[in-house]
């Protein structure tokens, strides 16, 4: 029996792990102040590009962005995501703990609760997942049937249907490297808090409501809960994203998509682009008041 189902389990694990990685990075920080999630990027001598802030938990309202998003994408020849899930085949080796195990990091009671969750949601017990880093389990624990496909996946599926090429601006190794600023003990503590607060989705619902309102300021106030990891998870990676924009925009029209937390702030992508003399125009993706153009 185990041999028969192993290919299915491995493929499912790859998809699950990729989703967890992109979900965690967004969840850690969502700073900013502009009332817009989609921006047009322009500069003399460069092609017009777009950058969109995404969220990795969605519902029907969030998924139903207005047609402007798809119109902007159709003007582009490339979709640039944080991570190209088409190329996420080697995820497992990067998130496996070499020394510690989950049954060592959690209490027996917490481990039992996590085992029950994994069996319910993946049909696989914790003996299979025991060496996965605690961050891997965050999105699985928080996921509920009412939440839908991640925005990144929605964008990638749409690009595939239009025949638009997709690339990842980071590798799995790059993203996992950012996690090293958060110790296994810190990760386990956060996971334990989630396990002790199962069923309390108020914070997630509030986050999603702020996203629908394109209220980046509200997201900043809600999510700024771990300043110690800002540089590794946000600021250092923003520099890399901007390098990709500077490299690609002279010759290609690109639709860039990153976690919404990367857009705003002093070291946010938008401010860094302004420093490089790009002009930014805010575009609303949900019904909302018109947003002023920012230079």
Protein backbone atom coordinates (compact mmCIF):
# COMPACT_ATOMS: atom_id res chain seq x y z
CA UNK A 1 0.00 0.00 0.00
CA UNK A 2 2.73 2.49 0.95
CA UNK A 3 4.59 1.90 -2.29
CA UNK A 4 1.45 2.47 -4.35
CA UNK A 5 0.70 5.89 -2.86
CA UNK A 6 4.24 7.24 -2.50
CA UNK A 7 4.35 9.21 -5.85
CA UNK A 8 1.09 10.92 -4.95
CA UNK A 9 2.40 11.82 -1.50
CA UNK A 10 5.69 13.21 -2.79
CA UNK A 11 4.00 15.44 -5.38
CA UNK A 12 1.50 16.60 -2.78
CA UNK A 13 4.33 17.38 -0.38
CA UNK A 14 6.12 19.52 -3.00
CA UNK A 15 3.01 21.59 -3.64
CA UNK A 16 2.24 21.90 0.06
CA UNK A 17 5.79 22.90 0.94
CA UNK A 18 6.01 25.51 -1.81
CA UNK A 19 2.74 27.03 -0.63
CA UNK A 20 3.98 27.07 2.98
CA UNK A 21 7.17 28.91 2.04
CA UNK A 22 5.47 31.74 0.15
CA UNK A 23 2.71 31.95 2.78
CA UNK A 24 5.09 32.26 5.72
CA UNK A 25 7.14 35.07 4.22
CA UNK A 26 4.05 37.17 3.62
CA UNK A 27 2.59 36.42 7.02
CA UNK A 28 5.63 37.68 8.89
CA UNK A 29 5.41 41.29 7.66
CA UNK A 30 3.05 43.46 5.66
CA UNK A 31 4.28 47.06 6.04
CA UNK A 32 3.19 50.10 4.06
CA UNK A 33 0.88 53.12 3.69
CA UNK A 34 -0.50 53.36 0.14
CA UNK A 35 -4.07 52.36 -0.68
CA UNK A 36 -3.07 50.25 -3.68
CA UNK A 37 -1.81 46.75 -4.35
CA UNK A 38 -1.06 47.09 -8.07
CA UNK A 39 1.36 49.65 -9.49
CA UNK A 40 2.46 50.61 -12.97
CA UNK A 41 6.23 51.08 -13.23
CA UNK A 42 7.66 53.34 -15.91
CA UNK A 43 10.93 55.06 -16.76
CA UNK A 44 12.23 56.74 -19.94
CA UNK A 45 13.92 54.16 -22.14
CA UNK A 46 12.29 51.25 -20.30
CA UNK A 47 9.26 49.11 -21.05
CA UNK A 48 6.11 49.59 -19.00
CA UNK A 49 5.91 47.04 -16.20
CA UNK A 50 3.59 46.29 -13.29
CA UNK A 51 4.08 45.09 -9.74
CA UNK A 52 1.36 43.59 -7.58
CA UNK A 53 1.31 42.81 -3.87
CA UNK A 54 -0.17 39.39 -3.22
CA UNK A 55 -1.64 37.50 -0.30
CA UNK A 56 -1.38 33.78 0.25
CA UNK A 57 -4.78 33.25 1.84
CA UNK A 58 -7.77 34.15 -0.30
CA UNK A 59 -11.52 33.84 -0.46
CA UNK A 60 -13.99 34.42 -3.29
CA UNK A 61 -13.91 38.20 -2.84
CA UNK A 62 -10.12 38.40 -2.93
CA UNK A 63 -9.91 36.12 -5.97
CA UNK A 64 -12.35 38.28 -7.92
CA UNK A 65 -10.01 41.15 -8.72
CA UNK A 66 -11.23 43.56 -11.37
CA UNK A 67 -10.38 43.09 -15.04
CA UNK A 68 -7.64 45.72 -14.81
CA UNK A 69 -5.30 43.09 -13.35
CA UNK A 70 -5.74 40.75 -16.30
CA UNK A 71 -5.56 43.65 -18.77
CA UNK A 72 -2.20 44.68 -17.32
CA UNK A 73 -0.96 41.09 -17.43
CA UNK A 74 -1.95 40.72 -21.09
CA UNK A 75 0.32 43.68 -21.91
CA UNK A 76 3.30 41.76 -20.51
CA UNK A 77 5.43 38.98 -21.93
CA UNK A 78 6.64 37.64 -18.58
CA UNK A 79 5.26 36.98 -15.10
CA UNK A 80 7.95 37.26 -12.41
CA UNK A 81 7.00 35.69 -9.08
CA UNK A 82 9.03 35.33 -5.90
CA UNK A 83 9.19 31.60 -6.56
CA UNK A 84 8.33 29.81 -9.80
CA UNK A 85 6.36 26.80 -8.60
CA UNK A 86 7.05 25.08 -11.93
CA UNK A 87 10.67 24.85 -10.78
CA UNK A 88 10.06 23.89 -7.14
CA UNK A 89 11.16 20.27 -7.38
CA UNK A 90 13.95 20.37 -4.79
CA UNK A 91 12.05 22.01 -1.94
CA UNK A 92 12.16 19.13 0.52
CA UNK A 93 15.92 19.02 0.96
CA UNK A 94 16.02 22.67 2.03
CA UNK A 95 13.46 22.56 4.85
CA UNK A 96 14.55 19.35 6.57
CA UNK A 97 16.15 19.65 10.03
CA UNK A 98 19.39 17.65 10.31
CA UNK A 99 19.56 17.43 14.10
CA UNK A 100 16.31 18.46 15.77
CA UNK A 101 12.90 16.83 15.34
CA UNK A 102 9.42 18.17 15.91
CA UNK A 103 8.72 15.82 18.81
CA UNK A 104 11.73 17.41 20.55
CA UNK A 105 10.62 21.00 19.86
CA UNK A 106 7.00 20.58 20.97
CA UNK A 107 5.44 19.17 24.11
CA UNK A 108 3.84 15.70 23.76
CA UNK A 109 0.39 17.32 23.87
CA UNK A 110 1.26 19.85 21.15
CA UNK A 111 2.83 17.15 19.01
CA UNK A 112 -0.29 14.99 19.33
CA UNK A 113 -2.53 17.90 18.24
CA UNK A 114 -0.25 18.60 15.26
CA UNK A 115 -0.27 14.91 14.31
CA UNK A 116 -4.08 14.93 14.28
CA UNK A 117 -4.12 18.04 12.07
CA UNK A 118 -1.66 16.59 9.56
CA UNK A 119 -3.57 13.30 9.36
CA UNK A 120 -6.82 15.18 8.78
CA UNK A 121 -5.46 17.57 6.15
CA UNK A 122 -2.85 15.44 4.36
CA UNK A 123 -3.73 11.87 5.40
CA UNK A 124 -0.13 11.50 6.55
CA UNK A 125 0.99 11.35 10.18
CA UNK A 126 3.76 13.31 11.88
CA UNK A 127 6.21 10.42 11.62
CA UNK A 128 6.58 11.44 7.97
CA UNK A 129 6.94 15.17 8.76
CA UNK A 130 8.98 14.93 11.97
CA UNK A 131 12.13 16.55 10.56
CA UNK A 132 10.35 19.42 8.80
CA UNK A 133 11.11 22.89 10.17
CA UNK A 134 8.31 24.32 12.35
CA UNK A 135 7.61 27.11 9.85
CA UNK A 136 6.50 24.45 7.38
CA UNK A 137 3.43 23.73 9.51
CA UNK A 138 2.21 27.32 9.97
CA UNK A 139 -0.05 27.53 6.93
CA UNK A 140 -1.29 23.95 7.32
CA UNK A 141 -2.45 24.67 10.87
CA UNK A 142 -4.06 27.98 9.93
CA UNK A 143 -5.64 26.78 6.70
CA UNK A 144 -9.41 26.42 6.68
CA UNK A 145 -11.76 25.14 4.00
CA UNK A 146 -13.16 28.64 3.55
CA UNK A 147 -9.81 29.87 2.25
CA UNK A 148 -9.02 29.50 -1.44
CA UNK A 149 -6.07 29.32 -3.79
CA UNK A 150 -3.11 31.60 -3.08
CA UNK A 151 -3.03 34.76 -5.20
CA UNK A 152 0.41 33.79 -6.54
CA UNK A 153 -1.01 30.53 -7.89
CA UNK A 154 -4.00 32.33 -9.36
CA UNK A 155 -1.68 34.68 -11.24
CA UNK A 156 0.49 31.81 -12.43
CA UNK A 157 -2.51 29.81 -13.66
CA UNK A 158 -3.78 32.85 -15.57
CA UNK A 159 -0.36 33.48 -17.12
CA UNK A 160 -0.21 29.82 -18.20
CA UNK A 161 -3.63 30.15 -19.86
CA UNK A 162 -2.42 33.23 -21.78
CA UNK A 163 0.83 31.57 -22.84
CA UNK A 164 2.87 34.08 -20.80
CA UNK A 165 6.22 32.80 -19.57
CA UNK A 166 6.85 32.58 -15.82
CA UNK A 167 10.06 33.02 -13.85
CA UNK A 168 11.03 33.02 -10.20
CA UNK A 169 13.13 35.88 -8.87
CA UNK A 170 14.37 33.63 -6.06
CA UNK A 171 15.21 29.99 -5.69
CA UNK A 172 13.88 27.79 -2.90
CA UNK A 173 17.37 27.96 -1.40
CA UNK A 174 17.22 31.76 -1.37
CA UNK A 175 13.90 31.81 0.44
CA UNK A 176 14.84 29.19 3.01
CA UNK A 177 18.06 31.09 3.69
CA UNK A 178 15.95 34.04 4.86
CA UNK A 179 14.37 31.81 7.51
CA UNK A 180 17.72 31.30 9.22
CA UNK A 181 17.19 34.60 11.03
CA UNK A 182 14.40 32.86 12.95
CA UNK A 183 15.70 30.13 15.27
CA UNK A 184 14.02 26.73 15.42
CA UNK A 185 13.03 27.53 18.99
CA UNK A 186 11.33 30.76 17.91
CA UNK A 187 9.58 28.92 15.08
CA UNK A 188 8.38 26.19 17.46
CA UNK A 189 7.12 28.77 19.97
CA UNK A 190 5.03 30.45 17.26
CA UNK A 191 3.67 27.11 16.13
CA UNK A 192 2.77 26.15 19.70
CA UNK A 193 0.80 29.39 20.10
CA UNK A 194 -1.15 28.54 16.95
CA UNK A 195 -1.93 25.07 18.27
CA UNK A 196 -3.20 26.54 21.54
CA UNK A 197 -5.46 28.96 19.63
CA UNK A 198 -7.01 26.62 17.08
CA UNK A 199 -10.30 27.80 15.64
CA UNK A 200 -9.61 31.46 16.34
CA UNK A 201 -9.44 32.90 12.83
CA UNK A 202 -10.22 36.51 13.75
CA UNK A 203 -6.71 37.76 12.98
CA UNK A 204 -6.64 36.07 9.57
CA UNK A 205 -10.10 37.36 8.72
CA UNK A 206 -8.98 40.88 9.69
CA UNK A 207 -5.87 40.56 7.53
CA UNK A 208 -7.95 39.48 4.55
CA UNK A 209 -10.41 42.33 5.08
CA UNK A 210 -7.56 44.85 5.10
CA UNK A 211 -6.23 43.33 1.88
CA UNK A 212 -9.64 43.66 0.21
CA UNK A 213 -9.67 47.31 1.26
CA UNK A 214 -6.14 47.69 -0.14
CA UNK A 215 -5.38 49.19 3.26
CA UNK A 216 -1.61 48.74 3.42
CA UNK A 217 -1.37 51.06 6.41
CA UNK A 218 -3.77 48.86 8.36
CA UNK A 219 -1.79 45.77 7.40
CA UNK A 220 1.37 47.42 8.67
CA UNK A 221 -0.17 48.17 12.05
CA UNK A 222 -1.54 44.64 12.35
CA UNK A 223 1.43 42.56 11.26
CA UNK A 224 4.49 44.41 12.63
CA UNK A 225 5.05 41.75 15.29
CA UNK A 226 8.60 40.56 14.69
CA UNK A 227 11.01 43.44 13.97
CA UNK A 228 14.04 41.19 14.49
CA UNK A 229 13.45 39.33 11.24
CA UNK A 230 12.51 42.30 9.05
CA UNK A 231 15.92 42.67 7.42
CA UNK A 232 16.25 39.01 6.47
CA UNK A 233 12.67 38.36 5.36
CA UNK A 234 11.89 41.73 3.81
CA UNK A 235 14.59 44.35 3.36
CA UNK A 236 17.46 42.20 2.05
CA UNK A 237 15.18 40.41 -0.36
CA UNK A 238 13.70 43.69 -1.59
CA UNK A 239 17.13 44.67 -2.87
CA UNK A 240 17.18 41.47 -4.93
CA UNK A 241 13.71 42.06 -6.35
CA UNK A 242 14.64 45.60 -7.40
CA UNK A 243 17.75 44.26 -9.15
CA UNK A 244 15.49 42.01 -11.23
CA UNK A 245 13.22 44.93 -12.10
CA UNK A 246 16.19 47.08 -13.14
CA UNK A 247 17.60 44.23 -15.23
CA UNK A 248 14.38 43.25 -16.99
CA UNK A 249 12.48 46.52 -17.46
CA UNK A 250 14.75 48.01 -20.19
CA UNK A 251 13.82 45.23 -22.62
CA UNK A 252 10.68 43.43 -21.36
CA UNK A 253 7.20 44.31 -20.15
CA UNK A 254 6.98 42.28 -16.96
CA UNK A 255 4.21 41.67 -14.45
CA UNK A 256 5.99 41.33 -11.10
CA UNK A 257 4.19 39.75 -8.14
CA UNK A 258 5.54 39.70 -4.59
CA UNK A 259 4.04 39.43 -1.12
CA UNK A 260 2.29 42.69 -0.25
CA UNK A 261 4.72 43.22 2.62
CA UNK A 262 7.53 43.93 0.18
CA UNK A 263 5.94 47.00 -1.41
CA UNK A 264 5.96 49.81 1.14
CA UNK A 265 8.20 51.21 3.84
CA UNK A 266 11.52 53.04 3.69
CA UNK A 267 13.24 49.92 2.36
CA UNK A 268 10.18 48.76 0.42
CA UNK A 269 10.29 48.05 -3.29
CA UNK A 270 8.23 51.11 -4.23
CA UNK A 271 10.50 53.52 -2.39
CA UNK A 272 13.61 51.84 -3.77
CA UNK A 273 12.22 52.19 -7.30
CA UNK A 274 11.53 55.88 -6.72
CA UNK A 275 15.17 56.29 -5.70
CA UNK A 276 16.11 54.76 -9.07
CA UNK A 277 13.90 57.37 -10.79
CA UNK A 278 11.05 55.11 -11.78
CA UNK A 279 7.58 56.67 -11.92
CA UNK A 280 4.89 54.73 -10.09
CA UNK A 281 1.16 54.90 -10.70
CA UNK A 282 -1.25 53.21 -8.30
CA UNK A 283 -4.02 51.06 -9.78
CA UNK A 284 -7.01 49.85 -7.78
CA UNK A 285 -7.83 46.14 -8.08
CA UNK A 286 -10.99 46.22 -5.94
CA UNK A 287 -13.82 48.78 -5.77
CA UNK A 288 -12.32 51.70 -3.86
CA UNK A 289 -11.72 55.46 -4.10
CA UNK A 290 -9.26 56.55 -6.76
CA UNK A 291 -5.67 56.47 -5.60
CA UNK A 292 -3.40 59.39 -6.37
CA UNK A 293 -0.41 58.99 -8.62
CA UNK A 294 2.86 58.87 -6.69
CA UNK A 295 6.26 59.93 -8.04
